[in-house]
Protein backbone atom coordinates (compact mmCIF):
# COMPACT_ATOMS: atom_id res chain seq x y z
CA MET A 1 5.60 -27.97 -51.09
CA ARG A 2 4.78 -30.07 -48.58
CA CYS A 3 5.47 -27.64 -45.57
CA LYS A 4 3.06 -25.24 -48.07
CA ARG A 5 0.41 -27.63 -47.84
CA SER A 6 0.87 -28.59 -44.20
CA LEU A 7 0.79 -24.84 -43.51
CA ALA A 8 -2.31 -24.26 -45.43
CA LYS A 9 -4.18 -27.19 -44.06
CA GLY A 10 -3.13 -25.89 -40.48
CA PHE A 11 -4.80 -22.30 -41.47
CA ARG A 12 -7.92 -23.90 -42.20
CA LYS A 13 -7.88 -26.17 -39.32
CA ALA A 14 -7.18 -23.26 -36.98
CA GLY A 15 -9.62 -21.11 -39.11
CA ILE A 16 -6.97 -18.69 -39.59
CA ILE A 17 -6.55 -16.38 -42.84
CA VAL A 18 -3.62 -13.95 -42.84
CA THR A 19 -5.30 -10.79 -44.45
CA GLU A 20 -5.21 -7.44 -43.77
CA ARG A 21 -8.19 -7.78 -41.76
CA ASN A 22 -7.07 -10.41 -39.87
CA ARG A 23 -3.38 -10.51 -38.47
CA THR A 24 -3.44 -12.93 -35.40
CA MET A 25 -1.11 -16.02 -35.57
CA ASN A 26 -1.86 -18.60 -33.06
CA ARG A 27 0.95 -20.75 -31.67
CA TRP A 28 0.71 -23.66 -34.10
CA THR A 29 0.92 -21.26 -36.96
CA ILE A 30 4.00 -19.60 -35.49
CA LEU A 31 5.54 -23.04 -34.76
CA THR A 32 4.72 -24.19 -38.69
CA LEU A 33 6.37 -20.97 -40.03
CA VAL A 34 9.49 -21.65 -37.65
CA ASN A 35 9.74 -25.21 -38.63
CA CYS A 36 8.89 -24.92 -42.48
CA PHE A 37 11.83 -22.13 -42.68
CA LEU A 38 14.23 -24.25 -40.96
CA ALA A 39 13.37 -27.01 -43.22
CA GLY A 40 14.30 -25.55 -46.13
CA ALA A 41 11.78 -22.85 -47.30
CA PRO A 42 13.50 -19.82 -46.71
CA GLY A 43 11.24 -18.14 -49.30
CA LEU A 44 8.09 -19.21 -47.48
CA LEU A 45 8.10 -17.19 -44.29
CA PRO A 46 8.81 -13.84 -46.02
CA SER A 47 5.95 -14.65 -48.80
CA ILE A 48 3.39 -15.46 -46.32
CA VAL A 49 4.01 -12.49 -44.21
CA ALA A 50 3.97 -10.44 -47.14
CA THR A 51 0.39 -11.34 -48.06
CA ALA A 52 -0.97 -9.00 -45.08
CA ASP A 53 -0.10 -5.46 -45.29
CA ARG A 54 1.51 -4.35 -41.96
CA SER A 55 1.24 -7.92 -40.55
CA LEU A 56 2.90 -8.85 -37.30
CA SER A 57 6.59 -9.85 -36.77
CA LEU A 58 7.34 -13.18 -35.37
CA ALA A 59 8.25 -11.22 -31.82
CA GLN A 60 4.90 -9.48 -32.24
CA ALA A 61 3.09 -12.83 -32.91
CA LEU A 62 4.94 -14.27 -29.58
CA ALA A 63 3.60 -11.35 -27.73
CA GLU A 64 0.30 -11.63 -28.89
CA GLU A 65 0.15 -15.60 -28.24
CA ARG A 66 1.82 -14.94 -24.60
CA LYS A 67 -1.27 -12.09 -24.02
CA GLU A 68 -4.02 -15.09 -24.76
CA ARG A 69 -1.96 -17.50 -22.34
CA PRO A 70 -1.53 -16.11 -18.88
CA LEU A 71 1.96 -16.38 -17.47
CA THR A 72 0.52 -18.60 -14.44
CA ALA A 73 -0.65 -21.25 -17.03
CA PRO A 74 1.17 -24.50 -16.75
CA LEU A 75 4.24 -25.06 -18.61
CA VAL A 76 3.25 -27.51 -21.78
CA ASP A 77 6.92 -27.81 -23.09
CA SER A 78 10.12 -25.73 -23.83
CA GLY A 79 8.81 -25.22 -26.91
CA SER A 80 5.70 -23.11 -25.87
CA SER A 81 5.28 -19.89 -27.32
CA GLY A 82 6.71 -17.20 -25.04
CA VAL A 83 9.10 -19.80 -23.08
CA ALA A 84 12.84 -19.23 -23.33
CA ASP A 85 14.51 -22.52 -22.72
CA VAL A 86 18.05 -21.54 -21.03
CA ARG A 87 19.44 -24.37 -22.69
CA ALA A 88 18.72 -23.06 -25.93
CA PHE A 89 21.00 -20.03 -25.13
CA GLY A 90 23.63 -22.23 -24.21
CA ALA A 91 23.21 -22.71 -20.44
CA ILE A 92 24.86 -26.05 -19.45
CA GLY A 93 23.41 -26.31 -15.50
CA ASP A 94 26.45 -28.51 -14.57
CA GLY A 95 27.48 -26.50 -11.40
CA LYS A 96 31.08 -25.97 -12.82
CA THR A 97 30.28 -23.77 -15.91
CA ASP A 98 29.53 -20.12 -15.65
CA ASP A 99 25.94 -19.87 -16.86
CA THR A 100 25.39 -16.32 -16.29
CA GLU A 101 25.57 -14.81 -19.97
CA ALA A 102 23.63 -17.63 -21.00
CA LEU A 103 20.88 -16.95 -18.52
CA ARG A 104 21.28 -13.18 -19.43
CA ALA A 105 20.80 -14.00 -22.86
CA ALA A 106 17.80 -15.72 -22.48
CA LEU A 107 16.17 -12.73 -20.07
CA ALA A 108 16.85 -10.72 -22.83
CA ALA A 109 14.97 -12.41 -25.79
CA VAL A 110 12.02 -12.68 -23.24
CA LYS A 111 12.43 -8.68 -22.85
CA THR A 112 12.63 -8.39 -26.89
CA ALA A 113 9.53 -10.22 -26.91
CA GLY A 114 7.52 -7.86 -24.71
CA GLY A 115 7.53 -10.71 -21.75
CA GLY A 116 7.38 -14.04 -21.25
CA VAL A 117 9.06 -17.36 -19.10
CA VAL A 118 12.81 -18.02 -19.03
CA TYR A 119 12.43 -21.76 -18.10
CA LEU A 120 15.53 -23.45 -16.19
CA PRO A 121 15.38 -27.47 -16.30
CA ALA A 122 16.53 -29.52 -13.56
CA GLY A 123 20.67 -28.53 -13.00
CA GLN A 124 22.81 -26.37 -11.11
CA TYR A 125 23.55 -23.16 -12.66
CA ARG A 126 26.49 -21.10 -11.36
CA ILE A 127 25.88 -17.11 -11.82
CA ASN A 128 28.71 -14.62 -11.30
CA PRO A 129 28.02 -10.70 -11.39
CA THR A 130 31.68 -10.37 -12.93
CA THR A 131 31.46 -12.89 -15.59
CA ALA A 132 33.71 -12.32 -18.46
CA GLY A 133 34.77 -9.09 -17.16
CA VAL A 134 31.00 -7.85 -17.12
CA ILE A 135 30.00 -6.07 -14.16
CA GLY A 136 26.26 -6.73 -13.56
CA THR A 137 24.02 -3.89 -13.42
CA ALA A 138 24.64 -1.61 -10.77
CA PHE A 139 22.08 0.09 -8.36
CA ASN A 140 22.11 1.54 -4.90
CA PHE A 141 20.40 -0.35 -2.28
CA SER A 142 19.26 2.58 -0.32
CA PRO A 143 18.39 0.70 3.09
CA GLN A 144 21.91 -0.14 3.56
CA GLY A 145 23.97 2.23 1.47
CA GLY A 146 26.51 1.13 -1.24
CA ASN A 147 26.40 -0.34 -4.70
CA TRP A 148 25.27 -3.85 -5.00
CA TYR A 149 25.45 -5.96 -8.47
CA THR A 150 23.02 -8.18 -9.89
CA ALA A 151 23.89 -11.36 -11.88
CA LEU A 152 20.39 -11.39 -13.50
CA LEU A 153 18.06 -7.87 -13.78
CA ILE A 154 14.65 -7.88 -14.95
CA ASP A 155 13.82 -4.55 -15.75
CA SER A 156 10.63 -5.03 -18.02
CA ASP A 157 7.21 -6.08 -17.44
CA ASP A 158 5.84 -9.39 -17.62
CA VAL A 159 8.82 -11.36 -17.09
CA THR A 160 8.93 -15.14 -15.31
CA ILE A 161 11.69 -16.78 -14.21
CA ARG A 162 10.39 -20.17 -13.92
CA CYS A 163 12.41 -23.24 -12.53
CA ALA A 164 11.96 -27.08 -12.50
CA SER A 165 10.16 -27.57 -9.04
CA GLN A 166 13.21 -26.31 -7.09
CA ARG A 167 15.64 -29.00 -9.25
CA ALA A 168 17.21 -26.20 -10.61
CA VAL A 169 19.58 -24.51 -8.30
CA PHE A 170 21.28 -20.99 -8.91
CA LEU A 171 24.77 -21.04 -7.21
CA VAL A 172 25.74 -17.59 -6.28
CA ALA A 173 29.39 -17.13 -6.83
CA ALA A 174 31.67 -15.23 -4.50
CA SER A 175 32.60 -11.99 -6.12
CA ASP A 176 36.45 -10.68 -5.98
CA ILE A 177 35.11 -6.88 -6.62
CA GLY A 178 34.74 -4.46 -3.89
CA LYS A 179 30.97 -3.73 -3.11
CA ARG A 180 28.47 -4.99 -0.43
CA ALA A 181 26.97 -7.80 -2.05
CA ASN A 182 25.87 -10.44 -4.81
CA VAL A 183 22.41 -10.29 -5.93
CA ALA A 184 21.16 -13.52 -7.69
CA ILE A 185 18.11 -11.87 -9.31
CA ALA A 186 16.82 -8.03 -9.09
CA VAL A 187 13.75 -6.80 -10.34
CA LYS A 188 14.55 -2.98 -10.49
CA GLY A 189 12.66 -0.31 -12.27
CA THR A 190 12.65 3.54 -11.36
CA ASP A 191 11.15 6.06 -9.62
CA TRP A 192 9.04 7.25 -12.33
CA ARG A 193 8.84 3.56 -14.29
CA PRO A 194 8.55 0.58 -11.88
CA VAL A 195 8.68 -3.01 -13.22
CA ARG A 196 5.62 -4.76 -13.29
CA ARG A 197 4.41 -8.34 -13.00
CA ALA A 198 7.81 -9.76 -12.26
CA ARG A 199 7.67 -13.55 -11.01
CA ILE A 200 10.12 -15.89 -9.64
CA GLU A 201 9.02 -19.60 -9.44
CA GLY A 202 10.29 -23.05 -8.23
CA CYS A 203 13.87 -21.95 -7.70
CA ALA A 204 16.56 -23.03 -5.57
CA PHE A 205 19.41 -20.84 -4.42
CA ASN A 206 22.60 -22.22 -2.71
CA LEU A 207 23.98 -18.60 -1.52
CA GLN A 208 27.32 -20.83 -0.15
CA ASN A 209 27.80 -18.99 2.99
CA GLN A 210 28.75 -15.77 1.43
CA THR A 211 28.80 -12.82 3.32
CA GLY A 212 26.86 -9.99 1.50
CA ALA A 213 24.92 -12.80 -0.62
CA VAL A 214 21.26 -11.82 -1.91
CA ALA A 215 18.71 -14.20 -3.32
CA LEU A 216 16.13 -11.89 -4.72
CA TYR A 217 15.81 -8.22 -4.60
CA ALA A 218 12.65 -5.80 -5.74
CA GLN A 219 13.28 -1.97 -6.10
CA HIS A 220 10.55 0.20 -7.72
CA ALA A 221 8.48 -2.88 -8.65
CA GLN A 222 4.73 -3.63 -8.74
CA ASP A 223 2.87 -6.71 -8.27
CA VAL A 224 5.71 -8.71 -7.82
CA VAL A 225 5.37 -12.75 -7.05
CA PHE A 226 7.96 -14.97 -5.52
CA VAL A 227 6.82 -18.21 -5.08
CA ASN A 228 7.96 -21.90 -4.15
CA ASN A 229 11.43 -21.11 -4.02
CA ALA A 230 14.08 -22.53 -1.59
CA ILE A 231 16.93 -20.38 -0.02
CA ARG A 232 19.99 -21.83 2.13
CA ASN A 233 23.46 -21.36 3.38
CA HIS A 234 23.11 -18.12 3.79
CA ALA A 235 25.67 -16.61 6.16
CA SER A 236 24.81 -12.61 5.68
CA THR A 237 23.45 -9.74 7.87
CA ILE A 238 21.73 -8.63 4.88
CA ASP A 239 18.25 -9.46 3.79
CA THR A 240 18.11 -12.91 1.54
CA VAL A 241 14.75 -11.51 -0.15
CA THR A 242 14.12 -7.87 0.07
CA LEU A 243 11.61 -5.26 -1.37
CA ASP A 244 12.09 -1.67 -1.59
CA ASN A 245 9.61 0.62 -2.66
CA THR A 246 7.67 -1.94 -4.02
CA VAL A 247 3.66 -1.80 -4.09
CA GLY A 248 1.85 -5.21 -4.31
CA ALA A 249 3.98 -8.47 -3.79
CA ILE A 250 3.42 -12.06 -2.73
CA ILE A 251 5.86 -14.10 -0.71
CA ALA A 252 4.47 -17.64 -0.51
CA HIS A 253 5.71 -21.12 -0.35
CA ASN A 254 8.97 -20.47 -0.10
CA GLN A 255 11.76 -22.06 2.21
CA TRP A 256 14.38 -20.28 4.10
CA ARG A 257 17.16 -22.14 5.80
CA ASP A 258 20.03 -20.57 7.81
CA GLY A 259 20.96 -17.14 7.99
CA SER A 260 20.23 -13.79 9.49
CA ILE A 261 17.28 -11.84 8.28
CA ALA A 262 15.16 -13.86 5.87
CA THR A 263 12.91 -10.94 4.30
CA GLY A 264 13.53 -7.20 4.52
CA LEU A 265 10.32 -4.54 3.69
CA TYR A 266 11.37 -1.06 2.90
CA GLN A 267 8.76 1.38 2.41
CA SER A 268 6.84 -1.07 0.45
CA SER A 269 3.02 -1.84 0.86
CA ASP A 270 0.29 -4.25 0.00
CA VAL A 271 2.53 -7.33 0.76
CA THR A 272 1.61 -10.89 1.37
CA ILE A 273 3.86 -13.05 2.99
CA ALA A 274 2.26 -16.61 3.70
CA ALA A 275 2.72 -20.24 4.04
CA ASN A 276 6.39 -19.87 4.00
CA THR A 277 8.94 -21.86 6.38
CA PHE A 278 11.69 -20.09 8.05
CA TYR A 279 14.26 -22.52 9.73
CA ASN A 280 17.50 -21.23 11.61
CA VAL A 281 17.09 -17.66 10.84
CA ALA A 282 17.34 -15.18 12.96
CA GLU A 283 14.09 -12.73 11.71
CA ALA A 284 11.89 -14.17 9.50
CA LEU A 285 10.77 -10.46 8.42
CA ASP A 286 12.50 -7.07 9.25
CA ALA A 287 9.81 -4.18 8.36
CA ASP A 288 11.49 -1.16 8.39
CA LYS A 289 11.63 2.28 7.49
CA PRO A 290 15.20 3.60 6.60
CA VAL A 291 16.51 6.82 8.30
CA THR A 292 17.97 7.95 5.15
CA ARG A 293 14.91 8.16 3.34
CA GLY A 294 12.20 10.65 2.98
CA ALA A 295 9.18 12.01 5.35
CA GLY A 296 5.97 9.55 5.76
CA PRO A 297 5.49 6.11 7.48
CA GLY A 298 7.41 3.24 6.47
CA GLY A 299 4.68 1.55 4.37
CA HIS A 300 1.31 -0.32 5.14
CA GLY A 301 -0.73 -2.97 4.00
CA ILE A 302 1.33 -6.06 5.15
CA THR A 303 -0.32 -9.64 5.83
CA VAL A 304 1.62 -12.08 7.28
CA THR A 305 -0.15 -15.44 7.78
CA GLY A 306 0.28 -19.24 7.67
CA ASN A 307 4.00 -19.17 8.07
CA VAL A 308 6.32 -21.48 10.31
CA TYR A 309 9.40 -20.11 12.19
CA ASP A 310 11.57 -22.71 13.92
CA ARG A 311 15.41 -23.15 14.75
CA ASP A 312 17.38 -26.16 16.32
CA ALA A 313 18.17 -23.99 19.28
CA LEU A 314 16.71 -21.02 21.16
CA ASP A 315 18.07 -17.57 19.55
CA THR A 316 19.33 -15.02 21.84
CA ALA A 317 20.65 -12.36 19.30
CA GLY A 318 18.15 -11.66 16.82
CA ASP A 319 15.36 -8.77 17.47
CA ALA A 320 12.17 -10.92 16.81
CA ALA A 321 10.84 -13.47 14.42
CA TRP A 322 8.74 -10.59 13.04
CA GLU A 323 9.99 -7.34 13.32
CA ILE A 324 7.62 -4.47 11.98
CA ASN A 325 8.73 -0.93 12.53
CA GLY A 326 7.03 2.19 11.62
CA PHE A 327 4.34 0.33 9.57
CA THR A 328 0.56 0.53 9.23
CA ASP A 329 -2.57 -1.66 8.28
CA VAL A 330 -0.59 -4.94 9.17
CA ILE A 331 -2.24 -8.38 10.03
CA ILE A 332 0.04 -11.09 11.49
CA ALA A 333 -2.37 -14.12 11.76
CA GLY A 334 -2.22 -17.86 11.79
CA ASN A 335 1.66 -18.12 12.30
CA THR A 336 3.61 -20.51 14.35
CA ILE A 337 7.02 -19.35 16.04
CA ARG A 338 9.28 -21.46 18.14
CA ARG A 339 12.72 -20.68 19.70
CA SER A 340 13.01 -17.28 18.65
CA ASN A 341 14.63 -14.36 20.78
CA ASN A 342 11.31 -12.76 20.56
CA GLY A 343 8.22 -13.85 18.88
CA VAL A 344 6.22 -10.57 17.24
CA HIS A 345 7.69 -7.05 17.80
CA LEU A 346 6.07 -3.86 16.47
CA THR A 347 7.56 -0.47 17.52
CA ALA A 348 8.08 2.94 16.25
CA LYS A 349 10.50 4.48 13.61
CA VAL A 350 11.55 7.78 14.54
CA LEU A 351 12.90 10.24 11.97
CA ASN A 352 14.02 13.50 12.03
CA GLY A 353 12.71 13.50 15.76
CA GLN A 354 9.48 12.44 14.42
CA PRO A 355 7.90 9.41 15.35
CA TYR A 356 5.91 6.90 13.07
CA PRO A 357 4.08 4.64 15.49
CA ALA A 358 2.42 1.36 14.80
CA GLU A 359 -1.21 1.93 13.91
CA ARG A 360 -4.04 -0.51 12.84
CA ILE A 361 -2.35 -3.82 13.86
CA THR A 362 -4.16 -6.68 14.28
CA ILE A 363 -2.15 -9.98 15.66
CA LYS A 364 -4.48 -13.04 15.66
CA ASN A 365 -4.40 -16.85 16.50
CA ASN A 366 -0.56 -17.31 16.44
CA THR A 367 1.13 -20.03 18.42
CA ILE A 368 4.39 -18.95 19.98
CA GLU A 369 6.55 -21.27 21.95
CA ALA A 370 9.62 -21.28 23.96
CA VAL A 371 11.34 -17.62 22.83
CA ASN A 372 13.85 -16.32 24.78
CA GLY A 373 12.23 -12.85 25.40
CA ILE A 374 8.55 -11.53 24.91
CA GLY A 375 6.20 -13.26 22.92
CA ILE A 376 4.36 -10.06 21.41
CA ALA A 377 6.04 -6.92 22.12
CA LEU A 378 4.26 -3.48 21.10
CA GLY A 379 6.94 -0.55 21.74
CA ASP A 380 10.67 -1.14 22.39
CA ILE A 381 11.81 -4.42 23.78
CA SER A 382 13.46 -2.31 26.43
CA ASP A 383 10.92 -1.27 29.30
CA ASN A 384 10.58 2.10 28.14
CA SER A 385 8.62 3.68 25.30
CA PHE A 386 8.25 7.15 23.78
CA VAL A 387 5.67 6.39 21.16
CA ASN A 388 1.78 6.40 21.42
CA HIS A 389 0.77 3.24 19.02
CA ARG A 390 -2.74 3.25 18.29
CA ASP A 391 -5.79 0.73 17.16
CA ILE A 392 -4.14 -2.53 18.21
CA VAL A 393 -5.95 -5.76 18.42
CA ILE A 394 -4.15 -8.76 19.95
CA GLU A 395 -6.65 -11.58 20.16
CA GLY A 396 -6.52 -15.75 20.22
CA ASN A 397 -2.92 -15.96 20.43
CA VAL A 398 -1.47 -19.21 22.50
CA ILE A 399 2.12 -18.31 23.97
CA HIS A 400 3.85 -21.00 26.13
CA ASN A 401 7.47 -20.65 27.73
CA SER A 402 8.45 -17.13 26.98
CA GLY A 403 11.70 -15.87 28.80
CA LYS A 404 9.99 -12.57 29.63
CA GLU A 405 6.50 -11.28 29.25
CA GLY A 406 4.02 -13.23 27.06
CA ILE A 407 2.48 -9.82 25.84
CA ARG A 408 3.73 -6.15 26.35
CA ILE A 409 1.62 -3.59 25.31
CA ARG A 410 1.77 0.50 24.90
CA GLY A 411 -0.55 3.11 23.50
CA THR A 412 -3.79 3.99 22.75
CA ASN A 413 -7.08 1.96 21.50
CA VAL A 414 -5.48 -1.20 22.43
CA MET A 415 -7.40 -4.56 23.01
CA VAL A 416 -5.79 -7.90 24.33
CA ARG A 417 -8.51 -10.61 24.33
CA GLY A 418 -8.93 -14.26 24.32
CA ASN A 419 -5.05 -15.42 24.64
CA ILE A 420 -3.80 -18.13 26.46
CA ILE A 421 -0.56 -17.51 28.24
CA ARG A 422 1.13 -20.01 30.21
CA ARG A 423 4.69 -20.07 31.83
CA SER A 424 5.86 -16.84 31.26
CA GLY A 425 9.36 -15.56 32.94
CA GLY A 426 7.68 -12.14 33.34
CA PHE A 427 4.20 -10.76 33.47
CA GLY A 428 1.68 -12.71 31.60
CA VAL A 429 0.33 -9.41 30.22
CA GLU A 430 2.28 -6.29 30.70
CA ALA A 431 0.23 -3.05 29.98
CA ALA A 432 2.34 0.33 30.89
CA GLN A 433 4.18 3.00 29.60
CA LEU A 434 6.86 4.16 31.92
CA LEU A 435 9.87 6.44 31.54
CA ALA A 436 12.70 5.58 33.97
CA ASP A 437 14.07 9.20 34.14
CA ARG A 438 10.86 11.19 34.33
CA GLY A 439 8.22 9.55 35.53
CA TYR A 440 5.18 8.65 33.24
CA ASN A 441 5.25 9.50 29.64
CA VAL A 442 2.51 12.07 28.55
CA ASN A 443 1.22 9.49 25.92
CA ARG A 444 0.49 7.16 28.78
CA LEU A 445 -1.39 3.94 28.35
CA THR A 446 -5.09 4.96 27.23
CA HIS A 447 -8.29 3.47 26.53
CA PHE A 448 -7.15 -0.17 26.86
CA VAL A 449 -9.14 -3.37 27.10
CA ILE A 450 -7.70 -6.56 28.56
CA ALA A 451 -10.51 -9.21 28.37
CA ASP A 452 -11.44 -13.08 28.49
CA ASN A 453 -7.41 -14.13 28.82
CA LEU A 454 -6.34 -17.16 30.34
CA VAL A 455 -2.81 -16.53 32.35
CA SER A 456 -1.24 -19.01 34.45
CA ASP A 457 1.81 -20.40 35.81
CA GLY A 458 3.95 -17.24 35.54
CA THR A 459 6.42 -15.89 37.70
CA ARG A 460 5.18 -12.58 38.07
CA SER A 461 1.78 -11.33 38.11
CA GLY A 462 -0.84 -12.48 35.46
CA ILE A 463 -2.01 -9.21 34.71
CA TYR A 464 0.07 -5.93 35.23
CA SER A 465 -0.52 -2.30 34.65
CA ALA A 466 1.30 0.91 35.08
CA GLY A 467 -0.27 4.34 34.32
CA GLY A 468 -3.21 2.93 32.62
CA ILE A 469 -6.35 5.51 31.90
CA HIS A 470 -9.65 4.59 30.86
CA GLY A 471 -9.18 1.01 30.51
CA THR A 472 -11.30 -2.22 31.30
CA VAL A 473 -9.85 -5.39 32.50
CA SER A 474 -12.67 -8.08 32.33
CA GLY A 475 -13.33 -11.84 32.34
CA ASN A 476 -9.94 -12.84 32.37
CA ARG A 477 -9.10 -16.31 34.62
CA VAL A 478 -5.64 -15.83 36.34
CA TYR A 479 -4.19 -18.20 38.55
CA HIS A 480 -1.02 -19.66 39.63
CA ASN A 481 1.06 -16.74 38.82
CA GLY A 482 3.92 -15.40 40.65
CA ALA A 483 4.40 -16.67 44.22
CA MET A 484 5.44 -12.92 45.65
CA ASP A 485 3.13 -10.99 43.24
CA PRO A 486 -0.66 -10.54 43.06
CA SER A 487 -2.32 -12.16 40.57
CA ILE A 488 -3.49 -8.82 38.78
CA HIS A 489 -1.64 -5.53 39.74
CA LEU A 490 -2.83 -1.75 38.81
CA ILE A 491 -0.56 0.70 39.42
CA ASP A 492 -1.64 4.46 39.22
CA ALA A 493 -4.83 3.39 37.59
CA ASN A 494 -7.25 5.93 36.74
CA ASN A 495 -11.15 5.24 35.46
CA VAL A 496 -10.12 1.65 34.89
CA ILE A 497 -13.16 -1.03 35.62
CA LEU A 498 -12.41 -4.34 36.64
CA ILE A 499 -15.35 -6.69 36.17
CA GLY A 500 -15.87 -10.40 36.32
CA ASN A 501 -12.08 -11.71 36.81
CA SER A 502 -11.34 -14.68 38.79
CA THR A 503 -7.88 -15.11 40.42
CA SER A 504 -6.45 -17.97 42.51
CA ASP A 505 -3.29 -19.47 43.71
CA GLY A 506 -1.21 -16.14 43.86
CA ALA A 507 0.45 -14.14 46.63
CA GLU A 508 -2.84 -11.65 46.58
CA GLY A 509 -5.68 -11.43 44.17
CA ILE A 510 -6.09 -7.66 42.95
CA ARG A 511 -3.93 -5.33 44.20
CA MET A 512 -4.78 -1.22 43.75
CA THR A 513 -1.14 0.64 44.34
CA VAL A 514 -0.43 4.56 43.93
CA GLY A 515 3.10 4.41 42.50
CA ALA A 516 5.58 7.22 41.02
CA GLY A 517 2.87 8.59 39.40
CA ALA A 518 1.05 9.69 42.50
CA VAL A 519 -2.22 9.09 41.08
CA GLY A 520 -4.92 5.87 41.39
CA ALA A 521 -8.46 6.87 41.71
CA ARG A 522 -11.94 6.67 40.26
CA ASN A 523 -11.85 3.01 39.49
CA LEU A 524 -14.53 0.56 39.39
CA LEU A 525 -14.08 -3.32 40.64
CA ILE A 526 -17.44 -5.35 40.15
CA GLY A 527 -17.81 -8.71 40.40
CA ASN A 528 -14.59 -10.08 40.56
CA VAL A 529 -13.59 -13.41 42.52
CA ALA A 530 -10.33 -13.50 44.32
CA LEU A 531 -9.53 -16.81 46.18
CA GLU A 532 -6.20 -15.95 47.51
CA ALA A 533 -5.95 -15.30 51.36
CA GLN A 534 -5.78 -11.36 50.61
CA GLY A 535 -8.05 -11.22 48.01
CA PHE A 536 -8.26 -7.32 47.34
CA ARG A 537 -5.52 -4.94 48.66
CA SER A 538 -4.64 -1.11 48.25
CA VAL A 539 -1.54 0.16 48.84
CA GLY A 540 0.11 3.65 48.96
CA GLY A 541 -3.54 5.66 49.51
CA ALA A 542 -5.38 3.73 46.82
CA THR A 543 -8.62 4.17 48.52
CA ASP A 544 -10.81 5.78 45.83
CA GLN A 545 -12.21 2.58 44.49
CA THR A 546 -15.74 1.70 44.11
CA THR A 547 -16.40 -2.04 44.58
CA LEU A 548 -19.66 -3.98 44.17
CA GLY A 549 -20.30 -7.60 44.23
CA ASN A 550 -16.74 -8.92 44.48
CA VAL A 551 -15.93 -12.10 46.31
CA GLY A 552 -12.98 -12.02 48.90
CA THR A 553 -11.24 -10.58 51.43
CA TYR A 554 -10.33 -6.85 51.56
CA VAL A 555 -7.08 -5.69 53.03
CA PRO A 556 -7.19 -2.79 54.08
CA VAL A 557 -11.01 -2.31 53.49
CA LEU A 558 -11.92 -0.58 50.22
CA GLN A 559 -14.22 2.47 50.08
CA GLN A 560 -17.77 0.96 49.80
CA ARG A 561 -20.14 3.03 47.26
């Protein structure tokens, strides 16, 4: 009787009358029904539900409540509507007990309810895809090949796994079955039915130095969020977080420590990687187009911003902190990179003889320090590049102490502007497209701008271009570079304008050379200041240059017009 009075009072207070016209139950109503039913009124719940023809089931009511309360809303308590506390499903979290089946049961309950939150209080949850003889869901990991298995699978929409502020730790157990890897949590749909709006937040993953352990994997998914997670003790050459054929993802405020590749993108688009910390990993991002997949570019719409990459010691093995191959519409902005092998590397991917170049790329306002190789490389890390990259902006970056070039560019419609490059082990800015075995590539460096950069204290020329056509080199300050090299050196340049540059403290100021390409004509030098003993020099017959208003010594005298 007390339950009936309390329930009736609650209905009136909430303004809810369970009728055929009003079938909505709020959270207070649902909890009252459940509490009364458990308190010994077994006939109460059926009788009330029966008062409304075709009334909502308890699971449906939970689903309706969850729709009213977004998944991003703060967790009130473990009894909140739409939240499955794993302890209620038997999880122990002591680091010794295998909690895989309990966590799977919690996920199944949320799936049955149409979505919701699986909540893990503080603790250490051991998970294993081979628990109790049950092999986790198998799926083919296309970029690497071979079957992988996951301990926890999200295969339905609107599922969140929320941990207690990185105090809930997944211990990924080693497996004794023959497979490529253990995956802690996988979000997986199909080609025709992607999984939508999965979210993993606040969790910690201890991969226990396993070869082939993976923390998070998404395949055929949309609008995925991985936020505020911590991943450590990774000994694999496989990506710890992987997106494969995923559209719309946010990877933010996560922490990686140790391992080879932190994040892998394969034919995925509209991905944001923001405000993460990568420590002692070889590569923070490997965005690639697997050669076993179908035709078309690798992906598009990648934003990488506000991340920090650092290491205890200089890396000499990994490709680059950010490696992006065959993707388009990429923004890399406001990141800090220290002690990587190379800083940022963008190149093409070739499939069945068809190259997919980097296109519409912006690399802006990054700080790159003490890298082993090149600070920013557009094209192959090796000296040659076969592909014509297009529509590239490299602007406002600060690059200190690179072992090789500060910036290396290839392609068409490339702008390098307003960067500060100091103490590079090679050229400050190298703009060339050479092939060692047959002279110049037919897709030479064309329509380029190198402007307003400050280049100093390098071991080679501050600005070096080979084979450039229809370019502008303007407003650069180049000094104290290359005791044996000119400050600015253009080889086989055609229709290039040099205007308003200033050089000093080099072996020479500006040198124009005819080299292997046997070209070098119709260039214009206006208003440059070269304070070296040999300010302007032509080599190999590069005499068809027009000069006007330059300051410096000419060796030999260039043609004046």
